[in-house]
Amino acid sequence: MPTVSMQKKLNMSNEEALLKVEEAADQLAEKYGLSINWLDNYASIRGPSVDGTVKVEDSVMDLRLELGMLAAPFKGKIEAAVEEYFQRLG
């Protein structure tokens, strides 16, 4: 299965970073029909042909998405969309 992985060091406190990542993840979830369940600084992501996780630790956002067969042909577009949202974080 194709994977989308991204790590980003955020220039802010861990608490601020977590709030920013939660906001961006919620926007992506709404736009793409994903379900995100947060537990402290860790979230599971589920959607049509997508499973993954995101966590924020020491002001570093770590995202991993496993793409199913239906999403695999769109890996580049998915990476670009995720990168665009998380570039805004700072």
PDB file of N, CA and C in Angstrom:
ATOM      1  N   MET A   1       0.829  -1.181   0.000  1.00  0.00           N
ATOM      2  CA  MET A   1       0.000   0.000   0.000  1.00  0.00           C
ATOM      3  C   MET A   1       0.877   1.249   0.000  1.00  0.00           C
ATOM      4  N   PRO A   2       0.567   2.215  -0.839  1.00  0.00           N
ATOM      5  CA  PRO A   2       1.334   3.465  -0.828  1.00  0.00           C
ATOM      6  C   PRO A   2       1.149   4.209   0.495  1.00  0.00           C
ATOM      7  N   THR A   3       2.191   4.911   0.896  1.00  0.00           N
ATOM      8  CA  THR A   3       2.183   5.646   2.155  1.00  0.00           C
ATOM      9  C   THR A   3       2.528   7.106   1.916  1.00  0.00           C
ATOM     10  N   VAL A   4       1.847   7.981   2.630  1.00  0.00           N
ATOM     11  CA  VAL A   4       2.196   9.397   2.676  1.00  0.00           C
ATOM     12  C   VAL A   4       2.735   9.646   4.076  1.00  0.00           C
ATOM     13  N   SER A   5       3.974  10.122   4.175  1.00  0.00           N
ATOM     14  CA  SER A   5       4.603  10.413   5.465  1.00  0.00           C
ATOM     15  C   SER A   5       5.103  11.849   5.454  1.00  0.00           C
ATOM     16  N   MET A   6       4.915  12.518   6.577  1.00  0.00           N
ATOM     17  CA  MET A   6       5.366  13.893   6.662  1.00  0.00           C
ATOM     18  C   MET A   6       5.706  14.217   8.107  1.00  0.00           C
ATOM     19  N   GLN A   7       6.846  14.863   8.297  1.00  0.00           N
ATOM     20  CA  GLN A   7       7.228  15.392   9.600  1.00  0.00           C
ATOM     21  C   GLN A   7       7.507  16.871   9.425  1.00  0.00           C
ATOM     22  N   LYS A   8       7.066  17.664  10.391  1.00  0.00           N
ATOM     23  CA  LYS A   8       7.286  19.099  10.309  1.00  0.00           C
ATOM     24  C   LYS A   8       7.552  19.636  11.701  1.00  0.00           C
ATOM     25  N   LYS A   9       8.698  20.299  11.858  1.00  0.00           N
ATOM     26  CA  LYS A   9       9.034  20.982  13.110  1.00  0.00           C
ATOM     27  C   LYS A   9       8.324  22.321  13.097  1.00  0.00           C
ATOM     28  N   LEU A  10       7.552  22.591  14.130  1.00  0.00           N
ATOM     29  CA  LEU A  10       6.792  23.830  14.226  1.00  0.00           C
ATOM     30  C   LEU A  10       7.471  24.767  15.219  1.00  0.00           C
ATOM     31  N   ASN A  11       7.626  26.001  14.835  1.00  0.00           N
ATOM     32  CA  ASN A  11       8.325  26.987  15.655  1.00  0.00           C
ATOM     33  C   ASN A  11       7.373  27.635  16.654  1.00  0.00           C
ATOM     34  N   MET A  12       6.894  26.826  17.582  1.00  0.00           N
ATOM     35  CA  MET A  12       5.969  27.292  18.614  1.00  0.00           C
ATOM     36  C   MET A  12       5.973  26.263  19.733  1.00  0.00           C
ATOM     37  N   SER A  13       5.293  26.574  20.817  1.00  0.00           N
ATOM     38  CA  SER A  13       5.221  25.618  21.925  1.00  0.00           C
ATOM     39  C   SER A  13       4.464  24.369  21.478  1.00  0.00           C
ATOM     40  N   ASN A  14       4.644  23.295  22.207  1.00  0.00           N
ATOM     41  CA  ASN A  14       3.957  22.052  21.872  1.00  0.00           C
ATOM     42  C   ASN A  14       2.439  22.227  21.936  1.00  0.00           C
ATOM     43  N   GLU A  15       1.962  22.996  22.920  1.00  0.00           N
ATOM     44  CA  GLU A  15       0.521  23.227  23.053  1.00  0.00           C
ATOM     45  C   GLU A  15      -0.030  23.980  21.845  1.00  0.00           C
ATOM     46  N   GLU A  16       0.689  25.039  21.417  1.00  0.00           N
ATOM     47  CA  GLU A  16       0.269  25.794  20.233  1.00  0.00           C
ATOM     48  C   GLU A  16       0.313  24.912  18.987  1.00  0.00           C
ATOM     49  N   ALA A  17       1.367  24.113  18.879  1.00  0.00           N
ATOM     50  CA  ALA A  17       1.512  23.223  17.725  1.00  0.00           C
ATOM     51  C   ALA A  17       0.350  22.241  17.657  1.00  0.00           C
ATOM     52  N   LEU A  18      -0.015  21.689  18.796  1.00  0.00           N
ATOM     53  CA  LEU A  18      -1.124  20.734  18.832  1.00  0.00           C
ATOM     54  C   LEU A  18      -2.427  21.395  18.387  1.00  0.00           C
ATOM     55  N   LEU A  19      -2.690  22.603  18.861  1.00  0.00           N
ATOM     56  CA  LEU A  19      -3.905  23.317  18.452  1.00  0.00           C
ATOM     57  C   LEU A  19      -3.921  23.581  16.949  1.00  0.00           C
ATOM     58  N   LYS A  20      -2.779  23.990  16.395  1.00  0.00           N
ATOM     59  CA  LYS A  20      -2.692  24.269  14.955  1.00  0.00           C
ATOM     60  C   LYS A  20      -2.895  23.000  14.135  1.00  0.00           C
ATOM     61  N   VAL A  21      -2.274  21.906  14.557  1.00  0.00           N
ATOM     62  CA  VAL A  21      -2.408  20.640  13.834  1.00  0.00           C
ATOM     63  C   VAL A  21      -3.846  20.135  13.925  1.00  0.00           C
ATOM     64  N   GLU A  22      -4.459  20.250  15.094  1.00  0.00           N
ATOM     65  CA  GLU A  22      -5.862  19.843  15.234  1.00  0.00           C
ATOM     66  C   GLU A  22      -6.748  20.634  14.277  1.00  0.00           C
ATOM     67  N   GLU A  23      -6.517  21.941  14.199  1.00  0.00           N
ATOM     68  CA  GLU A  23      -7.310  22.797  13.313  1.00  0.00           C
ATOM     69  C   GLU A  23      -7.139  22.389  11.847  1.00  0.00           C
ATOM     70  N   ALA A  24      -5.890  22.198  11.419  1.00  0.00           N
ATOM     71  CA  ALA A  24      -5.629  21.806  10.028  1.00  0.00           C
ATOM     72  C   ALA A  24      -6.202  20.420   9.737  1.00  0.00           C
ATOM     73  N   ALA A  25      -6.047  19.491  10.670  1.00  0.00           N
ATOM     74  CA  ALA A  25      -6.571  18.135  10.478  1.00  0.00           C
ATOM     75  C   ALA A  25      -8.091  18.153  10.375  1.00  0.00           C
ATOM     76  N   ASP A  26      -8.736  18.971  11.209  1.00  0.00           N
ATOM     77  CA  ASP A  26     -10.196  19.072  11.147  1.00  0.00           C
ATOM     78  C   ASP A  26     -10.659  19.639   9.807  1.00  0.00           C
ATOM     79  N   GLN A  27      -9.931  20.614   9.274  1.00  0.00           N
ATOM     80  CA  GLN A  27     -10.268  21.178   7.963  1.00  0.00           C
ATOM     81  C   GLN A  27     -10.123  20.127   6.865  1.00  0.00           C
ATOM     82  N   LEU A  28      -9.031  19.375   6.905  1.00  0.00           N
ATOM     83  CA  LEU A  28      -8.827  18.306   5.920  1.00  0.00           C
ATOM     84  C   LEU A  28      -9.910  17.239   6.049  1.00  0.00           C
ATOM     85  N   ALA A  29     -10.267  16.898   7.280  1.00  0.00           N
ATOM     86  CA  ALA A  29     -11.296  15.879   7.508  1.00  0.00           C
ATOM     87  C   ALA A  29     -12.628  16.315   6.918  1.00  0.00           C
ATOM     88  N   GLU A  30     -12.988  17.561   7.149  1.00  0.00           N
ATOM     89  CA  GLU A  30     -14.257  18.062   6.623  1.00  0.00           C
ATOM     90  C   GLU A  30     -14.245  18.090   5.093  1.00  0.00           C
ATOM     91  N   LYS A  31     -13.150  18.542   4.532  1.00  0.00           N
ATOM     92  CA  LYS A  31     -13.053  18.662   3.072  1.00  0.00           C
ATOM     93  C   LYS A  31     -13.066  17.304   2.376  1.00  0.00           C
ATOM     94  N   TYR A  32     -12.415  16.296   2.983  1.00  0.00           N
ATOM     95  CA  TYR A  32     -12.242  15.008   2.312  1.00  0.00           C
ATOM     96  C   TYR A  32     -13.041  13.865   2.940  1.00  0.00           C
ATOM     97  N   GLY A  33     -13.947  14.158   3.851  1.00  0.00           N
ATOM     98  CA  GLY A  33     -14.800  13.122   4.431  1.00  0.00           C
ATOM     99  C   GLY A  33     -14.065  12.123   5.297  1.00  0.00           C
ATOM    100  N   LEU A  34     -13.110  12.607   6.083  1.00  0.00           N
ATOM    101  CA  LEU A  34     -12.336  11.739   6.966  1.00  0.00           C
ATOM    102  C   LEU A  34     -12.880  11.806   8.384  1.00  0.00           C
ATOM    103  N   SER A  35     -12.628  10.761   9.143  1.00  0.00           N
ATOM    104  CA  SER A  35     -12.959  10.727  10.562  1.00  0.00           C
ATOM    105  C   SER A  35     -11.651  10.819  11.337  1.00  0.00           C
ATOM    106  N   ILE A  36     -11.572  11.777  12.260  1.00  0.00           N
ATOM    107  CA  ILE A  36     -10.369  11.946  13.073  1.00  0.00           C
ATOM    108  C   ILE A  36     -10.758  11.847  14.538  1.00  0.00           C
ATOM    109  N   ASN A  37     -10.086  10.959  15.258  1.00  0.00           N
ATOM    110  CA  ASN A  37     -10.345  10.761  16.684  1.00  0.00           C
ATOM    111  C   ASN A  37      -9.075  11.073  17.468  1.00  0.00           C
ATOM    112  N   TRP A  38      -9.131  12.137  18.282  1.00  0.00           N
ATOM    113  CA  TRP A  38      -7.979  12.594  19.055  1.00  0.00           C
ATOM    114  C   TRP A  38      -7.966  11.976  20.448  1.00  0.00           C
ATOM    115  N   LEU A  39      -6.785  11.620  20.902  1.00  0.00           N
ATOM    116  CA  LEU A  39      -6.540  11.209  22.279  1.00  0.00           C
ATOM    117  C   LEU A  39      -5.237  11.887  22.689  1.00  0.00           C
ATOM    118  N   ASP A  40      -5.353  12.940  23.468  1.00  0.00           N
ATOM    119  CA  ASP A  40      -4.210  13.772  23.855  1.00  0.00           C
ATOM    120  C   ASP A  40      -3.533  14.339  22.610  1.00  0.00           C
ATOM    121  N   ASN A  41      -2.290  13.942  22.359  1.00  0.00           N
ATOM    122  CA  ASN A  41      -1.538  14.505  21.232  1.00  0.00           C
ATOM    123  C   ASN A  41      -1.494  13.565  20.018  1.00  0.00           C
ATOM    124  N   TYR A  42      -2.357  12.575  19.991  1.00  0.00           N
ATOM    125  CA  TYR A  42      -2.340  11.535  18.960  1.00  0.00           C
ATOM    126  C   TYR A  42      -3.738  11.388  18.370  1.00  0.00           C
ATOM    127  N   ALA A  43      -3.817  11.207  17.058  1.00  0.00           N
ATOM    128  CA  ALA A  43      -5.121  11.007  16.422  1.00  0.00           C
ATOM    129  C   ALA A  43      -5.048   9.875  15.413  1.00  0.00           C
ATOM    130  N   SER A  44      -6.141   9.129  15.338  1.00  0.00           N
ATOM    131  CA  SER A  44      -6.282   8.145  14.265  1.00  0.00           C
ATOM    132  C   SER A  44      -7.141   8.781  13.179  1.00  0.00           C
ATOM    133  N   ILE A  45      -6.804   8.472  11.942  1.00  0.00           N
ATOM    134  CA  ILE A  45      -7.484   9.035  10.777  1.00  0.00           C
ATOM    135  C   ILE A  45      -8.052   7.880   9.970  1.00  0.00           C
ATOM    136  N   ARG A  46      -9.329   7.978   9.637  1.00  0.00           N
ATOM    137  CA  ARG A  46      -9.985   6.945   8.835  1.00  0.00           C
ATOM    138  C   ARG A  46     -10.824   7.623   7.772  1.00  0.00           C
ATOM    139  N   GLY A  47     -10.854   7.010   6.620  1.00  0.00           N
ATOM    140  CA  GLY A  47     -11.679   7.539   5.544  1.00  0.00           C
ATOM    141  C   GLY A  47     -11.780   6.533   4.425  1.00  0.00           C
ATOM    142  N   PRO A  48     -12.517   6.900   3.386  1.00  0.00           N
ATOM    143  CA  PRO A  48     -12.623   6.007   2.235  1.00  0.00           C
ATOM    144  C   PRO A  48     -11.232   5.782   1.630  1.00  0.00           C
ATOM    145  N   SER A  49     -10.713   4.598   1.780  1.00  0.00           N
ATOM    146  CA  SER A  49      -9.430   4.208   1.200  1.00  0.00           C
ATOM    147  C   SER A  49      -8.223   4.905   1.838  1.00  0.00           C
ATOM    148  N   VAL A  50      -8.378   5.405   3.080  1.00  0.00           N
ATOM    149  CA  VAL A  50      -7.273   6.057   3.793  1.00  0.00           C
ATOM    150  C   VAL A  50      -7.334   5.676   5.272  1.00  0.00           C
ATOM    151  N   ASP A  51      -6.200   5.262   5.825  1.00  0.00           N
ATOM    152  CA  ASP A  51      -6.049   5.036   7.260  1.00  0.00           C
ATOM    153  C   ASP A  51      -4.727   5.655   7.670  1.00  0.00           C
ATOM    154  N   GLY A  52      -4.694   6.256   8.856  1.00  0.00           N
ATOM    155  CA  GLY A  52      -3.434   6.839   9.272  1.00  0.00           C
ATOM    156  C   GLY A  52      -3.445   7.365  10.683  1.00  0.00           C
ATOM    157  N   THR A  53      -2.354   8.060  11.010  1.00  0.00           N
ATOM    158  CA  THR A  53      -2.185   8.664  12.323  1.00  0.00           C
ATOM    159  C   THR A  53      -1.504  10.015  12.175  1.00  0.00           C
ATOM    160  N   VAL A  54      -1.728  10.851  13.165  1.00  0.00           N
ATOM    161  CA  VAL A  54      -0.982  12.102  13.292  1.00  0.00           C
ATOM    162  C   VAL A  54      -0.718  12.296  14.778  1.00  0.00           C
ATOM    163  N   LYS A  55       0.487  12.747  15.093  1.00  0.00           N
ATOM    164  CA  LYS A  55       0.795  13.054  16.486  1.00  0.00           C
ATOM    165  C   LYS A  55       1.657  14.305  16.527  1.00  0.00           C
ATOM    166  N   VAL A  56       1.597  14.968  17.662  1.00  0.00           N
ATOM    167  CA  VAL A  56       2.410  16.157  17.896  1.00  0.00           C
ATOM    168  C   VAL A  56       3.186  15.911  19.177  1.00  0.00           C
ATOM    169  N   GLU A  57       4.517  15.980  19.061  1.00  0.00           N
ATOM    170  CA  GLU A  57       5.379  15.737  20.210  1.00  0.00           C
ATOM    171  C   GLU A  57       6.607  16.619  20.082  1.00  0.00           C
ATOM    172  N   ASP A  58       6.928  17.337  21.138  1.00  0.00           N
ATOM    173  CA  ASP A  58       8.069  18.259  21.131  1.00  0.00           C
ATOM    174  C   ASP A  58       7.993  19.229  19.956  1.00  0.00           C
ATOM    175  N   SER A  59       6.801  19.731  19.687  1.00  0.00           N
ATOM    176  CA  SER A  59       6.522  20.691  18.607  1.00  0.00           C
ATOM    177  C   SER A  59       6.808  20.135  17.211  1.00  0.00           C
ATOM    178  N   VAL A  60       6.814  18.818  17.079  1.00  0.00           N
ATOM    179  CA  VAL A  60       6.992  18.168  15.777  1.00  0.00           C
ATOM    180  C   VAL A  60       5.706  17.431  15.428  1.00  0.00           C
ATOM    181  N   MET A  61       5.184  17.733  14.234  1.00  0.00           N
ATOM    182  CA  MET A  61       4.001  17.053  13.722  1.00  0.00           C
ATOM    183  C   MET A  61       4.478  15.875  12.881  1.00  0.00           C
ATOM    184  N   ASP A  62       3.945  14.699  13.158  1.00  0.00           N
ATOM    185  CA  ASP A  62       4.315  13.479  12.436  1.00  0.00           C
ATOM    186  C   ASP A  62       3.034  12.857  11.882  1.00  0.00           C
ATOM    187  N   LEU A  63       2.937  12.796  10.564  1.00  0.00           N
ATOM    188  CA  LEU A  63       1.745  12.283   9.886  1.00  0.00           C
ATOM    189  C   LEU A  63       2.108  11.055   9.070  1.00  0.00           C
ATOM    190  N   ARG A  64       1.281  10.026   9.144  1.00  0.00           N
ATOM    191  CA  ARG A  64       1.439   8.807   8.340  1.00  0.00           C
ATOM    192  C   ARG A  64       0.067   8.412   7.818  1.00  0.00           C
ATOM    193  N   LEU A  65      -0.046   8.265   6.512  1.00  0.00           N
ATOM    194  CA  LEU A  65      -1.294   7.827   5.884  1.00  0.00           C
ATOM    195  C   LEU A  65      -1.023   6.612   5.013  1.00  0.00           C
ATOM    196  N   GLU A  66      -1.825   5.586   5.161  1.00  0.00           N
ATOM    197  CA  GLU A  66      -1.790   4.413   4.291  1.00  0.00           C
ATOM    198  C   GLU A  66      -2.930   4.570   3.291  1.00  0.00           C
ATOM    199  N   LEU A  67      -2.608   4.521   2.014  1.00  0.00           N
ATOM    200  CA  LEU A  67      -3.609   4.712   0.971  1.00  0.00           C
ATOM    201  C   LEU A  67      -4.055   3.370   0.417  1.00  0.00           C
ATOM    202  N   GLY A  68      -5.359   3.185   0.317  1.00  0.00           N
ATOM    203  CA  GLY A  68      -5.911   1.978  -0.279  1.00  0.00           C
ATOM    204  C   GLY A  68      -5.852   2.045  -1.797  1.00  0.00           C
ATOM    205  N   MET A  69      -6.363   1.008  -2.440  1.00  0.00           N
ATOM    206  CA  MET A  69      -6.295   0.918  -3.906  1.00  0.00           C
ATOM    207  C   MET A  69      -6.983   2.086  -4.602  1.00  0.00           C
ATOM    208  N   LEU A  70      -8.097   2.552  -4.066  1.00  0.00           N
ATOM    209  CA  LEU A  70      -8.816   3.643  -4.712  1.00  0.00           C
ATOM    210  C   LEU A  70      -8.085   4.975  -4.598  1.00  0.00           C
ATOM    211  N   ALA A  71      -7.363   5.179  -3.502  1.00  0.00           N
ATOM    212  CA  ALA A  71      -6.652   6.440  -3.293  1.00  0.00           C
ATOM    213  C   ALA A  71      -5.238   6.421  -3.873  1.00  0.00           C
ATOM    214  N   ALA A  72      -4.671   5.249  -4.090  1.00  0.00           N
ATOM    215  CA  ALA A  72      -3.283   5.135  -4.535  1.00  0.00           C
ATOM    216  C   ALA A  72      -2.958   5.960  -5.781  1.00  0.00           C
ATOM    217  N   PRO A  73      -3.812   5.989  -6.811  1.00  0.00           N
ATOM    218  CA  PRO A  73      -3.481   6.787  -7.992  1.00  0.00           C
ATOM    219  C   PRO A  73      -3.412   8.293  -7.713  1.00  0.00           C
ATOM    220  N   PHE A  74      -3.950   8.714  -6.585  1.00  0.00           N
ATOM    221  CA  PHE A  74      -3.986  10.136  -6.242  1.00  0.00           C
ATOM    222  C   PHE A  74      -2.954  10.504  -5.179  1.00  0.00           C
ATOM    223  N   LYS A  75      -1.955   9.649  -4.989  1.00  0.00           N
ATOM    224  CA  LYS A  75      -0.961   9.878  -3.943  1.00  0.00           C
ATOM    225  C   LYS A  75      -0.324  11.256  -4.063  1.00  0.00           C
ATOM    226  N   GLY A  76       0.069  11.658  -5.244  1.00  0.00           N
ATOM    227  CA  GLY A  76       0.700  12.963  -5.442  1.00  0.00           C
ATOM    228  C   GLY A  76      -0.212  14.112  -5.065  1.00  0.00           C
ATOM    229  N   LYS A  77      -1.466  14.019  -5.450  1.00  0.00           N
ATOM    230  CA  LYS A  77      -2.434  15.073  -5.116  1.00  0.00           C
ATOM    231  C   LYS A  77      -2.705  15.106  -3.614  1.00  0.00           C
ATOM    232  N   ILE A  78      -2.762  13.938  -2.999  1.00  0.00           N
ATOM    233  CA  ILE A  78      -2.991  13.868  -1.554  1.00  0.00           C
ATOM    234  C   ILE A  78      -1.808  14.487  -0.814  1.00  0.00           C
ATOM    235  N   GLU A  79      -0.591  14.141  -1.221  1.00  0.00           N
ATOM    236  CA  GLU A  79       0.599  14.722  -0.597  1.00  0.00           C
ATOM    237  C   GLU A  79       0.609  16.237  -0.743  1.00  0.00           C
ATOM    238  N   ALA A  80       0.270  16.732  -1.930  1.00  0.00           N
ATOM    239  CA  ALA A  80       0.257  18.179  -2.173  1.00  0.00           C
ATOM    240  C   ALA A  80      -0.782  18.879  -1.302  1.00  0.00           C
ATOM    241  N   ALA A  81      -1.969  18.291  -1.173  1.00  0.00           N
ATOM    242  CA  ALA A  81      -3.027  18.896  -0.354  1.00  0.00           C
ATOM    243  C   ALA A  81      -2.622  18.931   1.115  1.00  0.00           C
ATOM    244  N   VAL A  82      -2.064  17.838   1.608  1.00  0.00           N
ATOM    245  CA  VAL A  82      -1.631  17.778   3.004  1.00  0.00           C
ATOM    246  C   VAL A  82      -0.508  18.782   3.239  1.00  0.00           C
ATOM    247  N   GLU A  83       0.454  18.826   2.343  1.00  0.00           N
ATOM    248  CA  GLU A  83       1.578  19.766   2.460  1.00  0.00           C
ATOM    249  C   GLU A  83       1.074  21.206   2.494  1.00  0.00           C
ATOM    250  N   GLU A  84       0.119  21.523   1.641  1.00  0.00           N
ATOM    251  CA  GLU A  84      -0.429  22.884   1.597  1.00  0.00           C
ATOM    252  C   GLU A  84      -1.050  23.271   2.938  1.00  0.00           C
ATOM    253  N   TYR A  85      -1.845  22.393   3.511  1.00  0.00           N
ATOM    254  CA  TYR A  85      -2.472  22.692   4.800  1.00  0.00           C
ATOM    255  C   TYR A  85      -1.433  22.861   5.900  1.00  0.00           C
ATOM    256  N   PHE A  86      -0.459  21.970   5.941  1.00  0.00           N
ATOM    257  CA  PHE A  86       0.496  22.009   7.035  1.00  0.00           C
ATOM    258  C   PHE A  86       1.594  23.048   6.840  1.00  0.00           C
ATOM    259  N   GLN A  87       1.795  23.550   5.629  1.00  0.00           N
ATOM    260  CA  GLN A  87       2.725  24.657   5.408  1.00  0.00           C
ATOM    261  C   GLN A  87       2.227  25.908   6.120  1.00  0.00           C
ATOM    262  N   ARG A  88       0.934  26.054   6.223  1.00  0.00           N
ATOM    263  CA  ARG A  88       0.341  27.227   6.873  1.00  0.00           C
ATOM    264  C   ARG A  88       0.551  27.238   8.384  1.00  0.00           C
ATOM    265  N   LEU A  89       1.010  26.138   8.927  1.00  0.00           N
ATOM    266  CA  LEU A  89       1.136  26.045  10.381  1.00  0.00           C
ATOM    267  C   LEU A  89       2.249  26.913  10.944  1.00  0.00           C
ATOM    268  N   GLY A  90       3.298  27.130  10.184  1.00  0.00           N
ATOM    269  CA  GLY A  90       4.391  27.964  10.678  1.00  0.00           C
ATOM    270  C   GLY A  90       5.641  27.215  10.982  1.00  0.00           C
TER     271      GLY A  90
END
